[in-house]
C-alpha atoms as a PDB file:
ATOM      1  CA  UNK A   1      -0.788  18.370   4.226  1.00  0.00           C
ATOM      2  CA  UNK A   2       2.162  17.520   5.903  1.00  0.00           C
ATOM      3  CA  UNK A   3       4.164  15.512   3.343  1.00  0.00           C
ATOM      4  CA  UNK A   4       6.751  12.790   3.940  1.00  0.00           C
ATOM      5  CA  UNK A   5       8.346  12.021   0.394  1.00  0.00           C
ATOM      6  CA  UNK A   6       7.802  12.218  -3.071  1.00  0.00           C
ATOM      7  CA  UNK A   7       9.824  10.150  -5.742  1.00  0.00           C
ATOM      8  CA  UNK A   8       9.576   8.623  -8.231  1.00  0.00           C
ATOM      9  CA  UNK A   9      10.138   4.631  -8.735  1.00  0.00           C
ATOM     10  CA  UNK A  10       8.802   1.178  -9.710  1.00  0.00           C
ATOM     11  CA  UNK A  11       6.270  -0.202  -7.804  1.00  0.00           C
ATOM     12  CA  UNK A  12       7.626  -3.237  -6.042  1.00  0.00           C
ATOM     13  CA  UNK A  13       5.098  -5.120  -4.217  1.00  0.00           C
ATOM     14  CA  UNK A  14       1.006  -6.470  -4.985  1.00  0.00           C
ATOM     15  CA  UNK A  15      -0.775  -6.209  -8.302  1.00  0.00           C
ATOM     16  CA  UNK A  16       1.234  -3.441 -10.092  1.00  0.00           C
ATOM     17  CA  UNK A  17       4.534  -4.755  -9.639  1.00  0.00           C
ATOM     18  CA  UNK A  18       6.779  -3.145 -12.182  1.00  0.00           C
ATOM     19  CA  UNK A  19       4.761  -0.513 -12.912  1.00  0.00           C
ATOM     20  CA  UNK A  20       6.508   2.888 -13.051  1.00  0.00           C
ATOM     21  CA  UNK A  21       4.814   5.319 -10.129  1.00  0.00           C
ATOM     22  CA  UNK A  22       4.997   8.475  -8.506  1.00  0.00           C
ATOM     23  CA  UNK A  23       5.172   8.225  -4.998  1.00  0.00           C
ATOM     24  CA  UNK A  24       3.383  10.449  -2.398  1.00  0.00           C
ATOM     25  CA  UNK A  25       4.186   9.302   1.011  1.00  0.00           C
ATOM     26  CA  UNK A  26       2.241  11.439   3.401  1.00  0.00           C
ATOM     27  CA  UNK A  27       3.078  11.757   6.995  1.00  0.00           C
ATOM     28  CA  UNK A  28       2.094  10.060  10.054  1.00  0.00           C
ATOM     29  CA  UNK A  29       0.142   6.719  10.877  1.00  0.00           C
ATOM     30  CA  UNK A  30      -2.543   5.865  13.155  1.00  0.00           C
ATOM     31  CA  UNK A  31      -0.602   2.632  14.334  1.00  0.00           C
ATOM     32  CA  UNK A  32       2.898   2.025  15.604  1.00  0.00           C
ATOM     33  CA  UNK A  33       3.738  -1.634  14.253  1.00  0.00           C
ATOM     34  CA  UNK A  34       6.910  -3.259  15.486  1.00  0.00           C
ATOM     35  CA  UNK A  35       7.945  -4.363  11.884  1.00  0.00           C
ATOM     36  CA  UNK A  36       7.448  -1.038  10.309  1.00  0.00           C
ATOM     37  CA  UNK A  37      10.240  -0.141   7.767  1.00  0.00           C
ATOM     38  CA  UNK A  38       9.157   3.486   6.522  1.00  0.00           C
ATOM     39  CA  UNK A  39      10.195   6.357   8.415  1.00  0.00           C
ATOM     40  CA  UNK A  40       7.053   8.019   7.650  1.00  0.00           C
ATOM     41  CA  UNK A  41       6.867  10.687  10.374  1.00  0.00           C
ATOM     42  CA  UNK A  42       8.841  14.030   9.489  1.00  0.00           C
ATOM     43  CA  UNK A  43       7.511  16.059   6.555  1.00  0.00           C
ATOM     44  CA  UNK A  44       6.929  19.440   4.941  1.00  0.00           C
ATOM     45  CA  UNK A  45       3.569  21.066   4.985  1.00  0.00           C
ATOM     46  CA  UNK A  46       2.560  20.873   0.918  1.00  0.00           C
ATOM     47  CA  UNK A  47      -0.536  22.979  -0.478  1.00  0.00           C
ATOM     48  CA  UNK A  48      -1.782  20.852  -3.143  1.00  0.00           C
ATOM     49  CA  UNK A  49      -0.826  23.232  -5.940  1.00  0.00           C
ATOM     50  CA  UNK A  50       3.044  22.155  -4.417  1.00  0.00           C
ATOM     51  CA  UNK A  51       2.001  18.907  -4.814  1.00  0.00           C
ATOM     52  CA  UNK A  52       0.652  18.869  -8.259  1.00  0.00           C
ATOM     53  CA  UNK A  53       3.942  20.644  -9.310  1.00  0.00           C
ATOM     54  CA  UNK A  54       6.226  17.828  -7.852  1.00  0.00           C
ATOM     55  CA  UNK A  55       4.570  14.924  -9.083  1.00  0.00           C
ATOM     56  CA  UNK A  56       3.475  16.090 -12.363  1.00  0.00           C
ATOM     57  CA  UNK A  57       7.629  16.975 -12.857  1.00  0.00           C
ATOM     58  CA  UNK A  58       8.181  12.886 -13.605  1.00  0.00           C
ATOM     59  CA  UNK A  59       5.722  12.650 -16.434  1.00  0.00           C
ATOM     60  CA  UNK A  60       4.523   9.275 -15.106  1.00  0.00           C
ATOM     61  CA  UNK A  61       0.887   8.928 -15.007  1.00  0.00           C
ATOM     62  CA  UNK A  62       0.474   6.494 -12.047  1.00  0.00           C
ATOM     63  CA  UNK A  63       0.313   7.971  -8.512  1.00  0.00           C
ATOM     64  CA  UNK A  64       0.731   5.840  -5.277  1.00  0.00           C
ATOM     65  CA  UNK A  65      -0.472   7.965  -2.039  1.00  0.00           C
ATOM     66  CA  UNK A  66       0.779   6.119   0.904  1.00  0.00           C
ATOM     67  CA  UNK A  67       2.505   6.551   4.287  1.00  0.00           C
ATOM     68  CA  UNK A  68       2.213   6.244   7.284  1.00  0.00           C
ATOM     69  CA  UNK A  69      -1.359   5.519   6.864  1.00  0.00           C
ATOM     70  CA  UNK A  70      -2.452   8.539   3.971  1.00  0.00           C
ATOM     71  CA  UNK A  71      -6.329   8.362   4.786  1.00  0.00           C
ATOM     72  CA  UNK A  72      -5.728  10.423   7.838  1.00  0.00           C
ATOM     73  CA  UNK A  73      -4.822  13.481   5.025  1.00  0.00           C
ATOM     74  CA  UNK A  74      -6.209  12.844   2.195  1.00  0.00           C
ATOM     75  CA  UNK A  75      -8.748  15.133   0.793  1.00  0.00           C
ATOM     76  CA  UNK A  76     -11.032  15.835  -2.238  1.00  0.00           C
ATOM     77  CA  UNK A  77      -9.430  18.565  -3.247  1.00  0.00           C
ATOM     78  CA  UNK A  78      -6.189  16.840  -3.754  1.00  0.00           C
ATOM     79  CA  UNK A  79      -7.761  13.744  -5.162  1.00  0.00           C
ATOM     80  CA  UNK A  80      -9.736  15.927  -7.964  1.00  0.00           C
ATOM     81  CA  UNK A  81      -6.495  17.585  -8.764  1.00  0.00           C
ATOM     82  CA  UNK A  82      -4.641  14.202  -9.397  1.00  0.00           C
ATOM     83  CA  UNK A  83      -7.409  12.953 -11.530  1.00  0.00           C
ATOM     84  CA  UNK A  84      -7.895  16.136 -13.862  1.00  0.00           C
ATOM     85  CA  UNK A  85      -4.060  16.384 -14.040  1.00  0.00           C
ATOM     86  CA  UNK A  86      -4.485  12.696 -16.114  1.00  0.00           C
ATOM     87  CA  UNK A  87      -3.448  10.621 -13.177  1.00  0.00           C
ATOM     88  CA  UNK A  88      -4.215   6.635 -12.131  1.00  0.00           C
ATOM     89  CA  UNK A  89      -4.972   7.123  -8.543  1.00  0.00           C
ATOM     90  CA  UNK A  90      -3.799   4.490  -6.439  1.00  0.00           C
ATOM     91  CA  UNK A  91      -3.764   4.622  -2.507  1.00  0.00           C
ATOM     92  CA  UNK A  92      -2.014   2.089   0.078  1.00  0.00           C
ATOM     93  CA  UNK A  93      -3.733   2.066   3.325  1.00  0.00           C
ATOM     94  CA  UNK A  94      -4.204  -0.359   6.288  1.00  0.00           C
ATOM     95  CA  UNK A  95      -7.942  -0.138   5.971  1.00  0.00           C
ATOM     96  CA  UNK A  96      -8.337   1.038   9.418  1.00  0.00           C
ATOM     97  CA  UNK A  97      -9.715   4.633   9.163  1.00  0.00           C
ATOM     98  CA  UNK A  98     -12.932   5.284   7.040  1.00  0.00           C
ATOM     99  CA  UNK A  99     -12.854   7.492   4.162  1.00  0.00           C
ATOM    100  CA  UNK A 100     -15.330   9.953   3.201  1.00  0.00           C
ATOM    101  CA  UNK A 101     -17.649   7.871   0.771  1.00  0.00           C
ATOM    102  CA  UNK A 102     -17.377  11.027  -1.930  1.00  0.00           C
ATOM    103  CA  UNK A 103     -13.635   9.871  -2.117  1.00  0.00           C
ATOM    104  CA  UNK A 104     -14.036   6.487  -4.043  1.00  0.00           C
ATOM    105  CA  UNK A 105     -14.840   8.225  -7.216  1.00  0.00           C
ATOM    106  CA  UNK A 106     -11.409   9.861  -7.421  1.00  0.00           C
ATOM    107  CA  UNK A 107      -9.395   7.097  -6.423  1.00  0.00           C
ATOM    108  CA  UNK A 108      -8.974   3.920  -8.995  1.00  0.00           C
ATOM    109  CA  UNK A 109      -7.220   1.756  -6.956  1.00  0.00           C
ATOM    110  CA  UNK A 110      -7.558   0.531  -3.207  1.00  0.00           C
ATOM    111  CA  UNK A 111      -4.746  -1.631  -1.927  1.00  0.00           C
ATOM    112  CA  UNK A 112      -5.547  -2.518   1.802  1.00  0.00           C
ATOM    113  CA  UNK A 113      -2.574  -4.351   3.670  1.00  0.00           C
ATOM    114  CA  UNK A 114      -4.492  -4.528   6.857  1.00  0.00           C
ATOM    115  CA  UNK A 115      -3.101  -5.091  10.456  1.00  0.00           C
ATOM    116  CA  UNK A 116      -6.561  -5.759  11.869  1.00  0.00           C
ATOM    117  CA  UNK A 117      -9.770  -6.209  11.029  1.00  0.00           C
ATOM    118  CA  UNK A 118     -12.513  -4.657  11.171  1.00  0.00           C
ATOM    119  CA  UNK A 119     -11.606  -2.956   8.115  1.00  0.00           C
ATOM    120  CA  UNK A 120     -13.685   0.506   7.568  1.00  0.00           C
ATOM    121  CA  UNK A 121     -13.292   0.386   3.773  1.00  0.00           C
ATOM    122  CA  UNK A 122     -16.203   0.454   1.626  1.00  0.00           C
ATOM    123  CA  UNK A 123     -14.433  -0.825  -1.477  1.00  0.00           C
ATOM    124  CA  UNK A 124     -11.232  -2.882  -1.696  1.00  0.00           C
ATOM    125  CA  UNK A 125      -9.352  -3.695  -4.749  1.00  0.00           C
ATOM    126  CA  UNK A 126      -6.786  -5.569  -3.847  1.00  0.00           C
ATOM    127  CA  UNK A 127      -5.536  -6.922  -0.413  1.00  0.00           C
ATOM    128  CA  UNK A 128      -1.363  -7.354   0.643  1.00  0.00           C
ATOM    129  CA  UNK A 129      -1.284  -9.262   4.027  1.00  0.00           C
ATOM    130  CA  UNK A 130       1.660  -9.292   5.616  1.00  0.00           C
ATOM    131  CA  UNK A 131       2.730 -12.651   6.618  1.00  0.00           C
ATOM    132  CA  UNK A 132       5.111 -13.349   9.755  1.00  0.00           C
ATOM    133  CA  UNK A 133       5.791 -17.085   9.338  1.00  0.00           C
ATOM    134  CA  UNK A 134       4.719 -20.674  10.453  1.00  0.00           C
ATOM    135  CA  UNK A 135       1.675 -20.007  12.726  1.00  0.00           C
ATOM    136  CA  UNK A 136       0.519 -16.490  11.553  1.00  0.00           C
ATOM    137  CA  UNK A 137      -3.378 -16.651  11.323  1.00  0.00           C
ATOM    138  CA  UNK A 138      -4.750 -15.012   7.799  1.00  0.00           C
ATOM    139  CA  UNK A 139      -7.762 -16.799   7.708  1.00  0.00           C
ATOM    140  CA  UNK A 140      -9.959 -13.464   9.318  1.00  0.00           C
ATOM    141  CA  UNK A 141      -8.852 -11.968   5.790  1.00  0.00           C
ATOM    142  CA  UNK A 142      -9.283 -15.263   3.550  1.00  0.00           C
ATOM    143  CA  UNK A 143     -13.385 -14.735   4.494  1.00  0.00           C
ATOM    144  CA  UNK A 144     -12.659 -11.064   2.239  1.00  0.00           C
ATOM    145  CA  UNK A 145     -11.509 -12.813  -0.415  1.00  0.00           C
ATOM    146  CA  UNK A 146     -14.180 -12.804  -3.120  1.00  0.00           C
ATOM    147  CA  UNK A 147     -15.334 -10.953  -5.968  1.00  0.00           C
ATOM    148  CA  UNK A 148     -12.685  -8.398  -6.925  1.00  0.00           C
ATOM    149  CA  UNK A 149     -10.137  -9.804  -4.535  1.00  0.00           C
ATOM    150  CA  UNK A 150     -10.241 -12.904  -6.210  1.00  0.00           C
ATOM    151  CA  UNK A 151      -6.556 -13.270  -8.243  1.00  0.00           C
ATOM    152  CA  UNK A 152      -5.733  -9.265  -6.287  1.00  0.00           C
ATOM    153  CA  UNK A 153      -4.938 -10.899  -2.511  1.00  0.00           C
ATOM    154  CA  UNK A 154      -1.392 -11.319  -1.854  1.00  0.00           C
ATOM    155  CA  UNK A 155       0.719 -12.670   1.075  1.00  0.00           C
ATOM    156  CA  UNK A 156       3.747 -11.080   1.686  1.00  0.00           C
ATOM    157  CA  UNK A 157       6.700 -12.062   3.589  1.00  0.00           C
ATOM    158  CA  UNK A 158       6.970  -9.901   6.445  1.00  0.00           C
ATOM    159  CA  UNK A 159      10.673  -8.678   6.588  1.00  0.00           C
ATOM    160  CA  UNK A 160      12.052  -8.352  10.131  1.00  0.00           C
ATOM    161  CA  UNK A 161      15.618  -7.160   9.277  1.00  0.00           C
ATOM    162  CA  UNK A 162      16.898 -10.672  10.150  1.00  0.00           C
ATOM    163  CA  UNK A 163      18.484 -12.435   6.868  1.00  0.00           C
ATOM    164  CA  UNK A 164      17.884 -16.213   8.437  1.00  0.00           C
ATOM    165  CA  UNK A 165      14.734 -15.520  10.441  1.00  0.00           C
ATOM    166  CA  UNK A 166      13.740 -13.857   6.757  1.00  0.00           C
ATOM    167  CA  UNK A 167      14.525 -17.181   4.530  1.00  0.00           C
ATOM    168  CA  UNK A 168      12.503 -18.761   7.014  1.00  0.00           C
ATOM    169  CA  UNK A 169       9.343 -16.253   6.557  1.00  0.00           C
ATOM    170  CA  UNK A 170       9.602 -16.596   2.919  1.00  0.00           C
ATOM    171  CA  UNK A 171       9.296 -20.123   3.146  1.00  0.00           C
ATOM    172  CA  UNK A 172       6.715 -20.467   5.572  1.00  0.00           C
ATOM    173  CA  UNK A 173       5.233 -18.038   3.337  1.00  0.00           C
ATOM    174  CA  UNK A 174       5.713 -20.148  -0.261  1.00  0.00           C
ATOM    175  CA  UNK A 175       4.261 -23.028   2.022  1.00  0.00           C
ATOM    176  CA  UNK A 176       1.011 -21.130   3.268  1.00  0.00           C
ATOM    177  CA  UNK A 177      -0.013 -20.231  -0.352  1.00  0.00           C
ATOM    178  CA  UNK A 178       0.579 -23.893  -2.022  1.00  0.00           C
ATOM    179  CA  UNK A 179      -1.635 -25.082   0.699  1.00  0.00           C
ATOM    180  CA  UNK A 180      -4.508 -22.059   0.336  1.00  0.00           C
ATOM    181  CA  UNK A 181      -4.266 -21.188  -3.387  1.00  0.00           C
ATOM    182  CA  UNK A 182      -6.777 -18.113  -2.662  1.00  0.00           C
ATOM    183  CA  UNK A 183      -3.219 -16.545  -1.927  1.00  0.00           C
ATOM    184  CA  UNK A 184      -0.595 -14.838  -4.431  1.00  0.00           C
ATOM    185  CA  UNK A 185       2.437 -13.958  -3.474  1.00  0.00           C
ATOM    186  CA  UNK A 186       3.470 -10.304  -3.015  1.00  0.00           C
ATOM    187  CA  UNK A 187       7.172 -10.030  -2.644  1.00  0.00           C
ATOM    188  CA  UNK A 188       9.205  -6.611  -2.143  1.00  0.00           C
ATOM    189  CA  UNK A 189      11.246  -6.653  -4.922  1.00  0.00           C
ATOM    190  CA  UNK A 190      12.155  -3.003  -5.052  1.00  0.00           C
ATOM    191  CA  UNK A 191      14.426  -4.369  -1.612  1.00  0.00           C
ATOM    192  CA  UNK A 192      15.990  -7.299  -4.518  1.00  0.00           C
ATOM    193  CA  UNK A 193      16.822  -3.951  -7.077  1.00  0.00           C
ATOM    194  CA  UNK A 194      17.976  -2.029  -4.255  1.00  0.00           C
ATOM    195  CA  UNK A 195      15.571   0.718  -5.461  1.00  0.00           C
ATOM    196  CA  UNK A 196      13.392   3.157  -4.021  1.00  0.00           C
END
């Protein structure tokens, strides 16, 4: 697998905010979002054994497999190795790439941060939608919020890199959530804390 980086920090977003986690960032993505804040293109080839050795050295048993788009590379060998090593396995995906059905049993938590519908996932445990400000239409995602997603559906203000515009987006996100209480607020707390 082509791995962009492996590091340990606190999960900064969504349901698991504040949780110590090992982040396994895989290289590459099938989308080219203009607002993407992750340089995920580069990386080094690593075997499953290499990855397992790297992620176990931190002593933290929550792993977040992210990218880019991790579903382009993850496989049963990696997921089984992580589960056998005692990890709680979370993936963060845009939901546009179908996962083979036999992989779901190895994944404890699927965070979907969609960049369009329809989604190609059989299961979503958490919905985390980027909100771009006033006029942003997220009604297509609201139709997905039922069952397990109630209470695990987040709007996250998009960081556009402009502090003035970011304040407007945050304000619009809060206003939207107050008038559409199926959503909860997710903030990028790792950026506020200036950690990875």
